[in-house]
Amino acid sequence: MGLTPRLQKAFKNVSEALSFGVSWQRQEVRRRPI
C-alpha cells in the first residue's frame, strides 16, 4: 500500500493498543460475572 515507516509504526501501535484494550475488557468481565 506504500505506507511510510512512520505510518506503519503508528498503525501498529494503534492495533496493539486496541487488542490490549479488548483483552483487558475480557479479563474485567471474567473477573466480575454479571
N, C-alpha and C. Protein backbone atom coordinates (compact mmCIF):
# COMPACT_ATOMS: atom_id res chain seq x y z
N MET A 1 0.82 -1.21 0.00
CA MET A 1 0.00 0.00 0.00
C MET A 1 0.86 1.27 0.00
N GLY A 2 2.15 1.12 0.22
CA GLY A 2 3.03 2.26 0.15
C GLY A 2 2.95 3.17 1.37
N LEU A 3 2.74 2.57 2.54
CA LEU A 3 2.71 3.39 3.75
C LEU A 3 4.13 3.75 4.16
N THR A 4 4.30 4.92 4.72
CA THR A 4 5.61 5.31 5.21
C THR A 4 5.90 4.57 6.52
N PRO A 5 7.17 4.34 6.83
CA PRO A 5 7.51 3.64 8.08
C PRO A 5 6.86 4.28 9.29
N ARG A 6 6.73 5.60 9.29
CA ARG A 6 6.14 6.27 10.45
C ARG A 6 4.67 5.90 10.57
N LEU A 7 3.98 5.87 9.42
CA LEU A 7 2.56 5.50 9.44
C LEU A 7 2.41 4.04 9.85
N GLN A 8 3.29 3.18 9.33
CA GLN A 8 3.23 1.76 9.69
C GLN A 8 3.42 1.58 11.19
N LYS A 9 4.36 2.32 11.78
CA LYS A 9 4.62 2.21 13.22
C LYS A 9 3.42 2.71 14.00
N ALA A 10 2.83 3.83 13.58
CA ALA A 10 1.66 4.36 14.28
C ALA A 10 0.50 3.38 14.19
N PHE A 11 0.29 2.79 13.00
CA PHE A 11 -0.80 1.84 12.85
C PHE A 11 -0.58 0.61 13.72
N LYS A 12 0.67 0.16 13.81
CA LYS A 12 0.98 -1.00 14.65
C LYS A 12 0.70 -0.67 16.11
N ASN A 13 1.09 0.53 16.55
CA ASN A 13 0.84 0.92 17.95
C ASN A 13 -0.65 0.97 18.24
N VAL A 14 -1.43 1.50 17.29
CA VAL A 14 -2.88 1.60 17.49
C VAL A 14 -3.50 0.21 17.56
N SER A 15 -3.10 -0.68 16.65
CA SER A 15 -3.69 -2.02 16.66
C SER A 15 -3.31 -2.77 17.94
N GLU A 16 -2.06 -2.58 18.40
CA GLU A 16 -1.65 -3.23 19.64
C GLU A 16 -2.43 -2.68 20.83
N ALA A 17 -2.65 -1.37 20.84
CA ALA A 17 -3.41 -0.77 21.93
C ALA A 17 -4.86 -1.27 21.91
N LEU A 18 -5.42 -1.42 20.71
CA LEU A 18 -6.80 -1.91 20.61
C LEU A 18 -6.89 -3.34 21.13
N SER A 19 -5.97 -4.20 20.69
CA SER A 19 -6.02 -5.59 21.13
C SER A 19 -5.80 -5.68 22.64
N PHE A 20 -4.93 -4.82 23.17
CA PHE A 20 -4.69 -4.81 24.62
C PHE A 20 -5.96 -4.39 25.36
N GLY A 21 -6.65 -3.37 24.86
CA GLY A 21 -7.89 -2.92 25.49
C GLY A 21 -8.96 -4.00 25.46
N VAL A 22 -9.06 -4.72 24.33
CA VAL A 22 -10.07 -5.77 24.22
C VAL A 22 -9.78 -6.89 25.21
N SER A 23 -8.52 -7.31 25.29
CA SER A 23 -8.17 -8.39 26.22
C SER A 23 -8.38 -7.94 27.66
N TRP A 24 -8.10 -6.66 27.95
CA TRP A 24 -8.30 -6.15 29.32
C TRP A 24 -9.79 -6.14 29.65
N GLN A 25 -10.63 -5.75 28.68
CA GLN A 25 -12.08 -5.76 28.92
C GLN A 25 -12.55 -7.18 29.19
N ARG A 26 -12.03 -8.14 28.43
CA ARG A 26 -12.45 -9.54 28.64
C ARG A 26 -12.06 -10.01 30.03
N GLN A 27 -10.86 -9.63 30.48
CA GLN A 27 -10.43 -10.04 31.83
C GLN A 27 -11.34 -9.42 32.88
N GLU A 28 -11.70 -8.14 32.69
CA GLU A 28 -12.58 -7.48 33.66
C GLU A 28 -13.93 -8.19 33.71
N VAL A 29 -14.47 -8.54 32.56
CA VAL A 29 -15.77 -9.22 32.53
C VAL A 29 -15.66 -10.59 33.20
N ARG A 30 -14.56 -11.28 32.93
CA ARG A 30 -14.39 -12.61 33.51
C ARG A 30 -14.24 -12.51 35.03
N ARG A 31 -13.61 -11.44 35.50
CA ARG A 31 -13.37 -11.29 36.93
C ARG A 31 -14.68 -11.01 37.67
N ARG A 32 -15.58 -10.23 37.05
CA ARG A 32 -16.86 -9.91 37.70
C ARG A 32 -18.01 -10.42 36.86
N PRO A 33 -18.37 -11.69 36.97
CA PRO A 33 -19.50 -12.20 36.19
C PRO A 33 -20.80 -11.53 36.60
N ILE A 34 -21.58 -11.15 35.61
CA ILE A 34 -22.84 -10.46 35.91
C ILE A 34 -23.93 -11.49 36.20
